[in-house]
C-alpha cells in the first residue's frame, strides 16, 4: 500500500472517531441516542 492510500484510510478512521465522540459514544446511524443508556452505574 502506498503512503497516499494509508493517509486516506487514516483520515477516514479519524473522522469516524470524531463522529462517535461528538455523539457521546453512540453511533448516530444505529438509531440510539446517547441518553438511552440502560446502565445503572
PDB file of N, CA and C in Angstrom:
ATOM      1  N   UNK A   1       0.849  -1.176   0.000  1.00  0.00           N
ATOM      2  CA  UNK A   1       0.000   0.000   0.000  1.00  0.00           C
ATOM      3  C   UNK A   1       0.891   1.234   0.000  1.00  0.00           C
ATOM      4  N   UNK A   2       0.505   2.211  -0.797  1.00  0.00           N
ATOM      5  CA  UNK A   2       1.334   3.410  -0.851  1.00  0.00           C
ATOM      6  C   UNK A   2       0.963   4.380   0.275  1.00  0.00           C
ATOM      7  N   UNK A   3       1.759   5.401   0.409  1.00  0.00           N
ATOM      8  CA  UNK A   3       1.587   6.337   1.519  1.00  0.00           C
ATOM      9  C   UNK A   3       0.287   7.126   1.397  1.00  0.00           C
ATOM     10  N   UNK A   4      -0.120   7.453   0.178  1.00  0.00           N
ATOM     11  CA  UNK A   4      -1.346   8.221  -0.023  1.00  0.00           C
ATOM     12  C   UNK A   4      -2.583   7.417   0.389  1.00  0.00           C
ATOM     13  N   UNK A   5      -2.598   6.128   0.076  1.00  0.00           N
ATOM     14  CA  UNK A   5      -3.718   5.275   0.462  1.00  0.00           C
ATOM     15  C   UNK A   5      -3.801   5.103   1.964  1.00  0.00           C
ATOM     16  N   UNK A   6      -2.654   4.963   2.600  1.00  0.00           N
ATOM     17  CA  UNK A   6      -2.617   4.820   4.050  1.00  0.00           C
ATOM     18  C   UNK A   6      -3.130   6.083   4.740  1.00  0.00           C
ATOM     19  N   UNK A   7      -2.755   7.244   4.217  1.00  0.00           N
ATOM     20  CA  UNK A   7      -3.234   8.502   4.790  1.00  0.00           C
ATOM     21  C   UNK A   7      -4.736   8.659   4.590  1.00  0.00           C
ATOM     22  N   UNK A   8      -5.265   8.185   3.469  1.00  0.00           N
ATOM     23  CA  UNK A   8      -6.706   8.264   3.229  1.00  0.00           C
ATOM     24  C   UNK A   8      -7.466   7.395   4.225  1.00  0.00           C
ATOM     25  N   UNK A   9      -6.985   6.187   4.461  1.00  0.00           N
ATOM     26  CA  UNK A   9      -7.628   5.291   5.431  1.00  0.00           C
ATOM     27  C   UNK A   9      -7.548   5.885   6.831  1.00  0.00           C
ATOM     28  N   UNK A  10      -6.412   6.425   7.185  1.00  0.00           N
ATOM     29  CA  UNK A  10      -6.242   7.041   8.495  1.00  0.00           C
ATOM     30  C   UNK A  10      -7.186   8.237   8.660  1.00  0.00           C
ATOM     31  N   UNK A  11      -7.365   9.009   7.611  1.00  0.00           N
ATOM     32  CA  UNK A  11      -8.276  10.147   7.660  1.00  0.00           C
ATOM     33  C   UNK A  11      -9.713   9.716   7.900  1.00  0.00           C
ATOM     34  N   UNK A  12     -10.137   8.641   7.235  1.00  0.00           N
ATOM     35  CA  UNK A  12     -11.496   8.132   7.418  1.00  0.00           C
ATOM     36  C   UNK A  12     -11.692   7.657   8.862  1.00  0.00           C
ATOM     37  N   UNK A  13     -10.706   6.969   9.406  1.00  0.00           N
ATOM     38  CA  UNK A  13     -10.795   6.484  10.784  1.00  0.00           C
ATOM     39  C   UNK A  13     -10.900   7.656  11.758  1.00  0.00           C
ATOM     40  N   UNK A  14     -10.129   8.687  11.540  1.00  0.00           N
ATOM     41  CA  UNK A  14     -10.158   9.856  12.422  1.00  0.00           C
ATOM     42  C   UNK A  14     -11.516  10.551  12.356  1.00  0.00           C
ATOM     43  N   UNK A  15     -12.075  10.677  11.157  1.00  0.00           N
ATOM     44  CA  UNK A  15     -13.381  11.327  11.013  1.00  0.00           C
ATOM     45  C   UNK A  15     -14.469  10.504  11.702  1.00  0.00           C
ATOM     46  N   UNK A  16     -14.447   9.191  11.520  1.00  0.00           N
ATOM     47  CA  UNK A  16     -15.441   8.340  12.175  1.00  0.00           C
ATOM     48  C   UNK A  16     -15.307   8.399  13.697  1.00  0.00           C
ATOM     49  N   UNK A  17     -14.084   8.433  14.197  1.00  0.00           N
ATOM     50  CA  UNK A  17     -13.870   8.537  15.639  1.00  0.00           C
ATOM     51  C   UNK A  17     -14.399   9.872  16.166  1.00  0.00           C
ATOM     52  N   UNK A  18     -14.217  10.934  15.412  1.00  0.00           N
ATOM     53  CA  UNK A  18     -14.720  12.244  15.831  1.00  0.00           C
ATOM     54  C   UNK A  18     -16.249  12.253  15.873  1.00  0.00           C
ATOM     55  N   UNK A  19     -16.899  11.568  14.926  1.00  0.00           N
ATOM     56  CA  UNK A  19     -18.363  11.487  14.921  1.00  0.00           C
ATOM     57  C   UNK A  19     -18.854  10.739  16.150  1.00  0.00           C
ATOM     58  N   UNK A  20     -18.211   9.627  16.478  1.00  0.00           N
ATOM     59  CA  UNK A  20     -18.629   8.830  17.631  1.00  0.00           C
ATOM     60  C   UNK A  20     -18.419   9.604  18.929  1.00  0.00           C
ATOM     61  N   UNK A  21     -17.299  10.288  19.057  1.00  0.00           N
ATOM     62  CA  UNK A  21     -17.023  11.063  20.272  1.00  0.00           C
ATOM     63  C   UNK A  21     -18.013  12.218  20.403  1.00  0.00           C
ATOM     64  N   UNK A  22     -18.301  12.903  19.297  1.00  0.00           N
ATOM     65  CA  UNK A  22     -19.235  14.031  19.365  1.00  0.00           C
ATOM     66  C   UNK A  22     -20.664  13.573  19.629  1.00  0.00           C
ATOM     67  N   UNK A  23     -20.980  12.329  19.306  1.00  0.00           N
ATOM     68  CA  UNK A  23     -22.321  11.792  19.564  1.00  0.00           C
ATOM     69  C   UNK A  23     -22.417  11.185  20.962  1.00  0.00           C
ATOM     70  N   UNK A  24     -21.418  11.334  21.768  1.00  0.00           N
ATOM     71  CA  UNK A  24     -21.457  10.831  23.137  1.00  0.00           C
ATOM     72  C   UNK A  24     -21.170   9.347  23.251  1.00  0.00           C
ATOM     73  N   UNK A  25     -20.452   8.800  22.302  1.00  0.00           N
ATOM     74  CA  UNK A  25     -20.078   7.391  22.356  1.00  0.00           C
ATOM     75  C   UNK A  25     -21.045   6.461  21.653  1.00  0.00           C
ATOM     76  N   UNK A  26     -22.117   6.990  21.104  1.00  0.00           N
ATOM     77  CA  UNK A  26     -23.089   6.179  20.371  1.00  0.00           C
ATOM     78  C   UNK A  26     -22.909   6.401  18.880  1.00  0.00           C
ATOM     79  N   UNK A  27     -23.209   5.386  18.098  1.00  0.00           N
ATOM     80  CA  UNK A  27     -23.159   5.541  16.647  1.00  0.00           C
ATOM     81  C   UNK A  27     -24.468   6.179  16.190  1.00  0.00           C
ATOM     82  N   UNK A  28     -24.413   7.361  15.600  1.00  0.00           N
ATOM     83  CA  UNK A  28     -25.645   8.076  15.268  1.00  0.00           C
ATOM     84  C   UNK A  28     -26.511   7.350  14.232  1.00  0.00           C
ATOM     85  N   UNK A  29     -25.913   6.540  13.381  1.00  0.00           N
ATOM     86  CA  UNK A  29     -26.687   5.875  12.329  1.00  0.00           C
ATOM     87  C   UNK A  29     -27.345   4.585  12.803  1.00  0.00           C
ATOM     88  N   UNK A  30     -27.176   4.192  14.080  1.00  0.00           N
ATOM     89  CA  UNK A  30     -27.839   2.998  14.590  1.00  0.00           C
ATOM     90  C   UNK A  30     -29.185   3.323  15.217  1.00  0.00           C
ATOM     91  N   UNK A  31     -29.522   4.579  15.350  1.00  0.00           N
ATOM     92  CA  UNK A  31     -30.816   4.976  15.884  1.00  0.00           C
ATOM     93  C   UNK A  31     -30.824   5.195  17.387  1.00  0.00           C
ATOM     94  N   UNK A  32     -29.757   4.858  18.084  1.00  0.00           N
ATOM     95  CA  UNK A  32     -29.707   5.060  19.526  1.00  0.00           C
ATOM     96  C   UNK A  32     -29.185   6.443  19.847  1.00  0.00           C
ATOM     97  N   UNK A  33     -29.702   7.028  20.902  1.00  0.00           N
ATOM     98  CA  UNK A  33     -29.184   8.320  21.327  1.00  0.00           C
ATOM     99  C   UNK A  33     -28.311   8.128  22.557  1.00  0.00           C
ATOM    100  N   UNK A  34     -27.509   9.109  22.874  1.00  0.00           N
ATOM    101  CA  UNK A  34     -26.574   9.000  23.985  1.00  0.00           C
ATOM    102  C   UNK A  34     -27.291   8.936  25.331  1.00  0.00           C
ATOM    103  N   UNK A  35     -28.530   9.406  25.413  1.00  0.00           N
ATOM    104  CA  UNK A  35     -29.243   9.416  26.677  1.00  0.00           C
ATOM    105  C   UNK A  35     -30.037   8.122  26.917  1.00  0.00           C
ATOM    106  N   UNK A  36     -29.963   7.154  26.023  1.00  0.00           N
ATOM    107  CA  UNK A  36     -30.712   5.910  26.160  1.00  0.00           C
ATOM    108  C   UNK A  36     -29.932   4.830  26.882  1.00  0.00           C
ATOM    109  N   UNK A  37     -28.978   5.192  27.706  1.00  0.00           N
ATOM    110  CA  UNK A  37     -28.178   4.197  28.420  1.00  0.00           C
ATOM    111  C   UNK A  37     -29.043   3.451  29.432  1.00  0.00           C
ATOM    112  N   UNK A  38     -28.933   2.131  29.417  1.00  0.00           N
ATOM    113  CA  UNK A  38     -29.677   1.351  30.388  1.00  0.00           C
ATOM    114  C   UNK A  38     -28.783   0.895  31.547  1.00  0.00           C
ATOM    115  N   UNK A  39     -27.567   1.379  31.566  1.00  0.00           N
ATOM    116  CA  UNK A  39     -26.610   1.024  32.609  1.00  0.00           C
ATOM    117  C   UNK A  39     -26.915   1.836  33.867  1.00  0.00           C
ATOM    118  N   UNK A  40     -26.949   1.184  35.019  1.00  0.00           N
ATOM    119  CA  UNK A  40     -27.285   1.851  36.271  1.00  0.00           C
ATOM    120  C   UNK A  40     -26.062   2.313  37.058  1.00  0.00           C
ATOM    121  N   UNK A  41     -24.902   2.228  36.454  1.00  0.00           N
ATOM    122  CA  UNK A  41     -23.677   2.630  37.170  1.00  0.00           C
ATOM    123  C   UNK A  41     -23.570   4.133  37.183  1.00  0.00           C
TER     124      UNK A  41
END
